[in-house]
PDB file of N, CA and C in Angstrom:
ATOM      1  N   MET A   1      -7.978  10.554  32.658  1.00  0.00           N
ATOM      2  CA  MET A   1      -8.580  11.307  31.496  1.00  0.00           C
ATOM      3  C   MET A   1     -10.053  11.005  31.615  1.00  0.00           C
ATOM      4  N   THR A   2     -11.030  12.099  31.180  1.00  0.00           N
ATOM      5  CA  THR A   2     -12.445  11.862  30.943  1.00  0.00           C
ATOM      6  C   THR A   2     -12.395  11.581  29.269  1.00  0.00           C
ATOM      7  N   VAL A   3     -13.651  10.794  29.049  1.00  0.00           N
ATOM      8  CA  VAL A   3     -14.168  10.525  27.871  1.00  0.00           C
ATOM      9  C   VAL A   3     -14.096  11.679  27.024  1.00  0.00           C
ATOM     10  N   TYR A   4     -14.351  13.069  27.563  1.00  0.00           N
ATOM     11  CA  TYR A   4     -14.634  14.012  26.670  1.00  0.00           C
ATOM     12  C   TYR A   4     -13.284  15.007  26.456  1.00  0.00           C
ATOM     13  N   GLU A   5     -12.309  14.677  27.385  1.00  0.00           N
ATOM     14  CA  GLU A   5     -10.954  15.145  27.268  1.00  0.00           C
ATOM     15  C   GLU A   5     -10.186  14.414  26.222  1.00  0.00           C
ATOM     16  N   ALA A   6     -10.632  12.981  26.028  1.00  0.00           N
ATOM     17  CA  ALA A   6      -9.970  12.095  25.021  1.00  0.00           C
ATOM     18  C   ALA A   6     -10.515  12.465  23.544  1.00  0.00           C
ATOM     19  N   ILE A   7     -11.667  12.797  23.646  1.00  0.00           N
ATOM     20  CA  ILE A   7     -12.473  13.030  22.426  1.00  0.00           C
ATOM     21  C   ILE A   7     -11.730  14.721  21.698  1.00  0.00           C
ATOM     22  N   LYS A   8     -11.359  15.406  22.805  1.00  0.00           N
ATOM     23  CA  LYS A   8     -10.943  16.577  22.405  1.00  0.00           C
ATOM     24  C   LYS A   8      -9.351  16.221  21.521  1.00  0.00           C
ATOM     25  N   GLN A   9      -8.807  15.461  22.442  1.00  0.00           N
ATOM     26  CA  GLN A   9      -7.651  15.156  21.820  1.00  0.00           C
ATOM     27  C   GLN A   9      -7.389  14.298  20.697  1.00  0.00           C
ATOM     28  N   MET A  10      -8.511  13.416  20.477  1.00  0.00           N
ATOM     29  CA  MET A  10      -8.573  12.812  19.410  1.00  0.00           C
ATOM     30  C   MET A  10      -8.920  14.056  18.190  1.00  0.00           C
ATOM     31  N   ARG A  11      -9.712  14.728  18.124  1.00  0.00           N
ATOM     32  CA  ARG A  11      -9.862  15.873  17.465  1.00  0.00           C
ATOM     33  C   ARG A  11      -8.806  16.831  17.110  1.00  0.00           C
ATOM     34  N   ASP A  12      -7.913  16.923  17.981  1.00  0.00           N
ATOM     35  CA  ASP A  12      -6.601  17.837  17.644  1.00  0.00           C
ATOM     36  C   ASP A  12      -5.668  16.754  16.991  1.00  0.00           C
ATOM     37  N   LEU A  13      -5.624  15.619  17.252  1.00  0.00           N
ATOM     38  CA  LEU A  13      -4.664  14.843  16.579  1.00  0.00           C
ATOM     39  C   LEU A  13      -5.031  14.520  15.062  1.00  0.00           C
ATOM     40  N   SER A  14      -6.345  14.165  15.083  1.00  0.00           N
ATOM     41  CA  SER A  14      -6.904  14.420  13.616  1.00  0.00           C
ATOM     42  C   SER A  14      -6.597  15.348  12.637  1.00  0.00           C
ATOM     43  N   LYS A  15      -6.877  16.652  13.435  1.00  0.00           N
ATOM     44  CA  LYS A  15      -6.408  17.874  12.491  1.00  0.00           C
ATOM     45  C   LYS A  15      -5.033  17.749  12.204  1.00  0.00           C
ATOM     46  N   LYS A  16      -4.361  17.153  12.952  1.00  0.00           N
ATOM     47  CA  LYS A  16      -2.793  17.126  12.532  1.00  0.00           C
ATOM     48  C   LYS A  16      -2.347  16.175  11.600  1.00  0.00           C
ATOM     49  N   GLY A  17      -3.346  15.054  11.483  1.00  0.00           N
ATOM     50  CA  GLY A  17      -2.936  13.889  10.660  1.00  0.00           C
ATOM     51  C   GLY A  17      -2.368  13.007  11.333  1.00  0.00           C
ATOM     52  N   GLU A  18      -2.516  12.949  12.602  1.00  0.00           N
ATOM     53  CA  GLU A  18      -1.686  12.199  13.794  1.00  0.00           C
ATOM     54  C   GLU A  18      -2.572  10.856  14.268  1.00  0.00           C
ATOM     55  N   PRO A  19      -2.145   9.768  13.618  1.00  0.00           N
ATOM     56  CA  PRO A  19      -3.175   8.523  14.033  1.00  0.00           C
ATOM     57  C   PRO A  19      -3.180   8.522  15.409  1.00  0.00           C
ATOM     58  N   PHE A  20      -4.241   7.897  16.009  1.00  0.00           N
ATOM     59  CA  PHE A  20      -4.334   7.368  17.343  1.00  0.00           C
ATOM     60  C   PHE A  20      -4.897   6.114  17.644  1.00  0.00           C
ATOM     61  N   SER A  21      -4.768   5.305  18.768  1.00  0.00           N
ATOM     62  CA  SER A  21      -5.356   4.108  19.030  1.00  0.00           C
ATOM     63  C   SER A  21      -6.532   4.225  19.804  1.00  0.00           C
ATOM     64  N   PHE A  22      -7.863   3.480  19.878  1.00  0.00           N
ATOM     65  CA  PHE A  22      -8.794   3.615  21.121  1.00  0.00           C
ATOM     66  C   PHE A  22      -9.362   2.221  21.033  1.00  0.00           C
ATOM     67  N   THR A  23     -10.007   2.006  22.288  1.00  0.00           N
ATOM     68  CA  THR A  23     -11.121   0.936  22.480  1.00  0.00           C
ATOM     69  C   THR A  23     -12.490   1.295  22.833  1.00  0.00           C
ATOM     70  N   PHE A  24     -13.483   0.651  22.231  1.00  0.00           N
ATOM     71  CA  PHE A  24     -14.808   1.149  22.700  1.00  0.00           C
ATOM     72  C   PHE A  24     -15.696  -0.064  22.802  1.00  0.00           C
ATOM     73  N   ALA A  25     -16.711   0.119  23.699  1.00  0.00           N
ATOM     74  CA  ALA A  25     -17.778  -0.808  23.778  1.00  0.00           C
ATOM     75  C   ALA A  25     -18.598  -0.975  22.429  1.00  0.00           C
ATOM     76  N   SER A  26     -18.751  -1.561  21.543  1.00  0.00           N
ATOM     77  CA  SER A  26     -19.598  -1.687  20.434  1.00  0.00           C
ATOM     78  C   SER A  26     -21.242  -1.912  20.970  1.00  0.00           C
ATOM     79  N   TYR A  27     -22.107  -0.961  20.385  1.00  0.00           N
ATOM     80  CA  TYR A  27     -23.385  -0.778  20.276  1.00  0.00           C
ATOM     81  C   TYR A  27     -24.036  -0.499  18.893  1.00  0.00           C
ATOM     82  N   SER A  28     -25.052  -1.583  18.599  1.00  0.00           N
ATOM     83  CA  SER A  28     -26.025  -1.101  17.534  1.00  0.00           C
ATOM     84  C   SER A  28     -27.193  -0.873  17.930  1.00  0.00           C
ATOM     85  N   LYS A  29     -27.612   0.222  17.910  1.00  0.00           N
ATOM     86  CA  LYS A  29     -28.721   0.785  18.405  1.00  0.00           C
ATOM     87  C   LYS A  29     -30.087   0.203  17.714  1.00  0.00           C
ATOM     88  N   THR A  30     -29.868   0.044  16.390  1.00  0.00           N
ATOM     89  CA  THR A  30     -31.058  -0.355  15.575  1.00  0.00           C
ATOM     90  C   THR A  30     -31.296  -2.035  15.619  1.00  0.00           C
ATOM     91  N   LYS A  31     -30.173  -2.712  16.015  1.00  0.00           N
ATOM     92  CA  LYS A  31     -30.103  -4.198  16.298  1.00  0.00           C
ATOM     93  C   LYS A  31     -30.256  -4.286  17.748  1.00  0.00           C
ATOM     94  N   ASP A  32     -29.848  -3.458  18.846  1.00  0.00           N
ATOM     95  CA  ASP A  32     -29.955  -3.730  19.902  1.00  0.00           C
ATOM     96  C   ASP A  32     -28.811  -4.643  20.333  1.00  0.00           C
ATOM     97  N   THR A  33     -27.674  -4.671  19.786  1.00  0.00           N
ATOM     98  CA  THR A  33     -26.753  -5.672  20.026  1.00  0.00           C
ATOM     99  C   THR A  33     -25.425  -5.183  20.308  1.00  0.00           C
ATOM    100  N   SER A  34     -24.401  -5.810  20.885  1.00  0.00           N
ATOM    101  CA  SER A  34     -23.160  -5.157  21.163  1.00  0.00           C
ATOM    102  C   SER A  34     -22.212  -6.551  20.451  1.00  0.00           C
ATOM    103  N   ASP A  35     -21.185  -6.257  19.959  1.00  0.00           N
ATOM    104  CA  ASP A  35     -20.078  -7.124  19.388  1.00  0.00           C
ATOM    105  C   ASP A  35     -19.000  -7.172  20.381  1.00  0.00           C
ATOM    106  N   GLY A  36     -19.205  -6.504  21.735  1.00  0.00           N
ATOM    107  CA  GLY A  36     -18.162  -6.630  22.684  1.00  0.00           C
ATOM    108  C   GLY A  36     -17.117  -5.283  22.429  1.00  0.00           C
ATOM    109  N   ASN A  37     -16.122  -5.277  23.078  1.00  0.00           N
ATOM    110  CA  ASN A  37     -14.923  -4.254  22.949  1.00  0.00           C
ATOM    111  C   ASN A  37     -14.345  -4.245  21.776  1.00  0.00           C
ATOM    112  N   ILE A  38     -14.169  -3.070  21.053  1.00  0.00           N
ATOM    113  CA  ILE A  38     -13.544  -3.232  19.748  1.00  0.00           C
ATOM    114  C   ILE A  38     -12.400  -2.261  19.789  1.00  0.00           C
ATOM    115  N   HIS A  39     -11.161  -2.763  19.511  1.00  0.00           N
ATOM    116  CA  HIS A  39      -9.803  -2.166  19.479  1.00  0.00           C
ATOM    117  C   HIS A  39      -9.502  -1.735  18.061  1.00  0.00           C
ATOM    118  N   VAL A  40      -9.162  -0.321  17.933  1.00  0.00           N
ATOM    119  CA  VAL A  40      -8.758   0.150  16.853  1.00  0.00           C
ATOM    120  C   VAL A  40      -7.284   0.640  17.006  1.00  0.00           C
ATOM    121  N   SER A  41      -6.512   0.207  16.100  1.00  0.00           N
ATOM    122  CA  SER A  41      -4.891   0.380  16.366  1.00  0.00           C
ATOM    123  C   SER A  41      -4.671   1.717  15.773  1.00  0.00           C
ATOM    124  N   ARG A  42      -5.176   2.153  14.707  1.00  0.00           N
ATOM    125  CA  ARG A  42      -4.852   3.427  14.224  1.00  0.00           C
ATOM    126  C   ARG A  42      -6.067   4.003  13.199  1.00  0.00           C
ATOM    127  N   ALA A  43      -6.318   5.033  13.827  1.00  0.00           N
ATOM    128  CA  ALA A  43      -7.496   6.023  13.369  1.00  0.00           C
ATOM    129  C   ALA A  43      -7.334   7.375  13.302  1.00  0.00           C
ATOM    130  N   LEU A  44      -8.488   8.173  12.605  1.00  0.00           N
ATOM    131  CA  LEU A  44      -8.505   9.416  12.610  1.00  0.00           C
ATOM    132  C   LEU A  44      -9.974   9.681  12.663  1.00  0.00           C
ATOM    133  N   LEU A  45     -10.381  10.919  13.187  1.00  0.00           N
ATOM    134  CA  LEU A  45     -11.727  11.249  13.226  1.00  0.00           C
ATOM    135  C   LEU A  45     -11.989  11.906  12.044  1.00  0.00           C
ATOM    136  N   ARG A  46     -13.071  11.519  11.768  1.00  0.00           N
ATOM    137  CA  ARG A  46     -13.846  12.315  10.325  1.00  0.00           C
ATOM    138  C   ARG A  46     -14.791  13.633  10.807  1.00  0.00           C
ATOM    139  N   LYS A  47     -15.228  14.174   9.845  1.00  0.00           N
ATOM    140  CA  LYS A  47     -16.123  15.366  10.098  1.00  0.00           C
ATOM    141  C   LYS A  47     -17.165  14.865  10.799  1.00  0.00           C
ATOM    142  N   ARG A  48     -17.775  15.642  11.623  1.00  0.00           N
ATOM    143  CA  ARG A  48     -18.971  14.852  12.475  1.00  0.00           C
ATOM    144  C   ARG A  48     -20.120  15.151  11.508  1.00  0.00           C
ATOM    145  N   ASP A  49     -21.158  14.017  11.462  1.00  0.00           N
ATOM    146  CA  ASP A  49     -22.176  14.111  10.573  1.00  0.00           C
ATOM    147  C   ASP A  49     -23.143  15.280  11.336  1.00  0.00           C
ATOM    148  N   SER A  50     -23.928  15.609  10.222  1.00  0.00           N
ATOM    149  CA  SER A  50     -24.942  16.827  10.465  1.00  0.00           C
ATOM    150  C   SER A  50     -26.115  15.813  11.259  1.00  0.00           C
ATOM    151  N   ASP A  51     -26.982  16.758  11.944  1.00  0.00           N
ATOM    152  CA  ASP A  51     -28.120  16.149  12.452  1.00  0.00           C
ATOM    153  C   ASP A  51     -28.998  15.872  11.311  1.00  0.00           C
ATOM    154  N   ALA A  52     -29.209  16.416  10.294  1.00  0.00           N
ATOM    155  CA  ALA A  52     -29.902  15.976   9.195  1.00  0.00           C
ATOM    156  C   ALA A  52     -29.710  14.535   8.576  1.00  0.00           C
ATOM    157  N   ASN A  53     -28.207  14.125   8.896  1.00  0.00           N
ATOM    158  CA  ASN A  53     -28.069  12.893   8.266  1.00  0.00           C
ATOM    159  C   ASN A  53     -27.822  11.879   9.472  1.00  0.00           C
ATOM    160  N   ASN A  54     -27.680  12.094  10.559  1.00  0.00           N
ATOM    161  CA  ASN A  54     -27.669  11.306  11.567  1.00  0.00           C
ATOM    162  C   ASN A  54     -28.355  11.865  12.821  1.00  0.00           C
ATOM    163  N   GLN A  55     -29.340  11.536  13.048  1.00  0.00           N
ATOM    164  CA  GLN A  55     -30.355  12.148  14.735  1.00  0.00           C
ATOM    165  C   GLN A  55     -29.367  11.863  15.885  1.00  0.00           C
ATOM    166  N   TYR A  56     -28.051  10.910  15.947  1.00  0.00           N
ATOM    167  CA  TYR A  56     -27.463  10.792  17.133  1.00  0.00           C
ATOM    168  C   TYR A  56     -26.191  11.525  16.770  1.00  0.00           C
ATOM    169  N   ALA A  57     -25.690  12.458  16.057  1.00  0.00           N
ATOM    170  CA  ALA A  57     -24.755  13.131  15.627  1.00  0.00           C
ATOM    171  C   ALA A  57     -24.127  13.616  16.868  1.00  0.00           C
ATOM    172  N   ASP A  58     -24.681  14.232  17.750  1.00  0.00           N
ATOM    173  CA  ASP A  58     -24.324  14.867  19.008  1.00  0.00           C
ATOM    174  C   ASP A  58     -23.678  13.824  19.813  1.00  0.00           C
ATOM    175  N   CYS A  59     -23.858  12.558  19.740  1.00  0.00           N
ATOM    176  CA  CYS A  59     -23.617  11.447  20.648  1.00  0.00           C
ATOM    177  C   CYS A  59     -22.601  10.328  20.170  1.00  0.00           C
ATOM    178  N   GLN A  60     -22.266  10.623  18.924  1.00  0.00           N
ATOM    179  CA  GLN A  60     -21.497   9.757  18.177  1.00  0.00           C
ATOM    180  C   GLN A  60     -20.305  10.367  17.728  1.00  0.00           C
ATOM    181  N   GLU A  61     -19.230   9.507  17.224  1.00  0.00           N
ATOM    182  CA  GLU A  61     -17.822  10.188  16.474  1.00  0.00           C
ATOM    183  C   GLU A  61     -17.806   9.445  15.207  1.00  0.00           C
ATOM    184  N   SER A  62     -17.411   9.871  14.357  1.00  0.00           N
ATOM    185  CA  SER A  62     -17.122   9.141  12.921  1.00  0.00           C
ATOM    186  C   SER A  62     -15.667   9.212  13.019  1.00  0.00           C
ATOM    187  N   TYR A  63     -15.050   7.872  12.569  1.00  0.00           N
ATOM    188  CA  TYR A  63     -13.788   7.684  12.370  1.00  0.00           C
ATOM    189  C   TYR A  63     -13.272   7.056  10.975  1.00  0.00           C
ATOM    190  N   THR A  64     -12.372   6.962  10.716  1.00  0.00           N
ATOM    191  CA  THR A  64     -11.732   6.158   9.826  1.00  0.00           C
ATOM    192  C   THR A  64     -10.695   5.070  10.177  1.00  0.00           C
ATOM    193  N   ASN A  65     -10.927   3.922  10.356  1.00  0.00           N
ATOM    194  CA  ASN A  65     -10.040   2.979  10.564  1.00  0.00           C
ATOM    195  C   ASN A  65      -8.785   2.753   9.544  1.00  0.00           C
ATOM    196  N   LEU A  66      -7.467   3.425   9.960  1.00  0.00           N
ATOM    197  CA  LEU A  66      -6.551   3.358   8.978  1.00  0.00           C
ATOM    198  C   LEU A  66      -6.049   2.220   8.494  1.00  0.00           C
ATOM    199  N   ASP A  67      -6.211   0.935   9.240  1.00  0.00           N
ATOM    200  CA  ASP A  67      -5.813  -0.373   8.784  1.00  0.00           C
ATOM    201  C   ASP A  67      -6.813  -1.156   7.711  1.00  0.00           C
ATOM    202  N   THR A  68      -7.930  -0.849   7.701  1.00  0.00           N
ATOM    203  CA  THR A  68      -8.934  -1.243   7.115  1.00  0.00           C
ATOM    204  C   THR A  68      -9.429  -0.238   5.964  1.00  0.00           C
ATOM    205  N   GLY A  69      -9.360   0.962   5.917  1.00  0.00           N
ATOM    206  CA  GLY A  69      -9.744   2.056   5.500  1.00  0.00           C
ATOM    207  C   GLY A  69     -11.536   2.459   5.637  1.00  0.00           C
ATOM    208  N   GLU A  70     -11.898   1.537   6.416  1.00  0.00           N
ATOM    209  CA  GLU A  70     -13.558   1.378   6.677  1.00  0.00           C
ATOM    210  C   GLU A  70     -13.907   2.990   7.383  1.00  0.00           C
ATOM    211  N   PRO A  71     -15.058   3.662   7.006  1.00  0.00           N
ATOM    212  CA  PRO A  71     -15.580   4.722   7.698  1.00  0.00           C
ATOM    213  C   PRO A  71     -16.375   4.068   8.880  1.00  0.00           C
ATOM    214  N   ARG A  72     -16.311   4.435  10.093  1.00  0.00           N
ATOM    215  CA  ARG A  72     -16.960   3.689  11.151  1.00  0.00           C
ATOM    216  C   ARG A  72     -17.475   4.602  12.212  1.00  0.00           C
ATOM    217  N   ARG A  73     -18.344   4.367  13.102  1.00  0.00           N
ATOM    218  CA  ARG A  73     -18.767   5.324  14.075  1.00  0.00           C
ATOM    219  C   ARG A  73     -19.021   4.752  15.505  1.00  0.00           C
ATOM    220  N   PHE A  74     -18.713   5.401  16.570  1.00  0.00           N
ATOM    221  CA  PHE A  74     -18.693   4.705  17.882  1.00  0.00           C
ATOM    222  C   PHE A  74     -19.736   5.849  18.663  1.00  0.00           C
ATOM    223  N   TRP A  75     -20.299   5.268  19.788  1.00  0.00           N
ATOM    224  CA  TRP A  75     -20.925   6.168  20.854  1.00  0.00           C
ATOM    225  C   TRP A  75     -19.952   6.912  21.805  1.00  0.00           C
ATOM    226  N   GLN A  76     -20.020   8.001  21.865  1.00  0.00           N
ATOM    227  CA  GLN A  76     -18.949   8.821  22.837  1.00  0.00           C
ATOM    228  C   GLN A  76     -19.107   7.962  24.146  1.00  0.00           C
ATOM    229  N   CYS A  77     -19.983   7.735  24.704  1.00  0.00           N
ATOM    230  CA  CYS A  77     -20.325   7.224  26.051  1.00  0.00           C
ATOM    231  C   CYS A  77     -19.625   5.517  25.973  1.00  0.00           C
ATOM    232  N   CYS A  78     -19.526   5.139  24.883  1.00  0.00           N
ATOM    233  CA  CYS A  78     -18.805   3.663  24.951  1.00  0.00           C
ATOM    234  C   CYS A  78     -17.154   3.571  24.768  1.00  0.00           C
ATOM    235  N   LEU A  79     -16.863   4.633  24.649  1.00  0.00           N
ATOM    236  CA  LEU A  79     -15.319   5.108  24.668  1.00  0.00           C
ATOM    237  C   LEU A  79     -14.737   4.580  25.923  1.00  0.00           C
ATOM    238  N   LEU A  80     -13.661   3.490  25.761  1.00  0.00           N
ATOM    239  CA  LEU A  80     -12.973   3.200  27.043  1.00  0.00           C
ATOM    240  C   LEU A  80     -11.656   3.410  27.267  1.00  0.00           C
ATOM    241  N   VAL A  81     -11.177   3.245  26.230  1.00  0.00           N
ATOM    242  CA  VAL A  81      -9.255   3.472  26.153  1.00  0.00           C
ATOM    243  C   VAL A  81      -8.963   4.301  25.076  1.00  0.00           C
ATOM    244  N   PHE A  82      -7.956   5.374  25.307  1.00  0.00           N
ATOM    245  CA  PHE A  82      -7.600   6.004  24.408  1.00  0.00           C
ATOM    246  C   PHE A  82      -6.043   6.376  24.453  1.00  0.00           C
ATOM    247  N   ASN A  83      -5.395   5.614  23.548  1.00  0.00           N
ATOM    248  CA  ASN A  83      -3.869   5.655  23.674  1.00  0.00           C
ATOM    249  C   ASN A  83      -3.133   5.061  24.667  1.00  0.00           C
ATOM    250  N   GLY A  84      -4.180   3.828  25.139  1.00  0.00           N
ATOM    251  CA  GLY A  84      -3.515   3.058  26.127  1.00  0.00           C
ATOM    252  C   GLY A  84      -3.857   3.536  27.444  1.00  0.00           C
ATOM    253  N   GLN A  85      -4.668   4.865  27.644  1.00  0.00           N
ATOM    254  CA  GLN A  85      -5.091   5.430  28.853  1.00  0.00           C
ATOM    255  C   GLN A  85      -6.634   4.891  29.142  1.00  0.00           C
ATOM    256  N   THR A  86      -6.909   4.426  30.349  1.00  0.00           N
ATOM    257  CA  THR A  86      -8.321   4.092  30.719  1.00  0.00           C
ATOM    258  C   THR A  86      -9.241   5.160  30.973  1.00  0.00           C
ATOM    259  N   LEU A  87     -10.291   5.384  30.422  1.00  0.00           N
ATOM    260  CA  LEU A  87     -11.001   6.604  30.599  1.00  0.00           C
ATOM    261  C   LEU A  87     -12.156   6.689  31.681  1.00  0.00           C
ATOM    262  N   THR A  88     -12.340   7.782  31.932  1.00  0.00           N
ATOM    263  CA  THR A  88     -13.594   7.606  33.044  1.00  0.00           C
ATOM    264  C   THR A  88     -14.760   8.556  32.310  1.00  0.00           C
ATOM    265  N   ILE A  89     -15.960   8.669  32.875  1.00  0.00           N
ATOM    266  CA  ILE A  89     -16.990   9.369  32.283  1.00  0.00           C
ATOM    267  C   ILE A  89     -16.838  10.983  32.798  1.00  0.00           C
ATOM    268  N   SER A  90     -16.719  11.068  33.958  1.00  0.00           N
ATOM    269  CA  SER A  90     -16.689  12.737  34.449  1.00  0.00           C
ATOM    270  C   SER A  90     -15.269  12.739  35.011  1.00  0.00           C
TER     271      SER A  90
END
């Protein structure tokens, strides 16, 4: 499965209110740092930010970590695993 197929499935599941798990490589563009791979056990995607609020909106996904209640984001290209399945870029 590709990253883009996984994101489509994430969106579909989120619309139904069905949580999913995923793992991504963290990256902070402002700090130019990474905290390594992050695993989220239960999440739902949130509505994508507008370009006016986030200049990288087309490259990032917003989600809610259902275990912590935190609203977070990840870079699409850093998505590694979706519901236990390793992903490919293309």
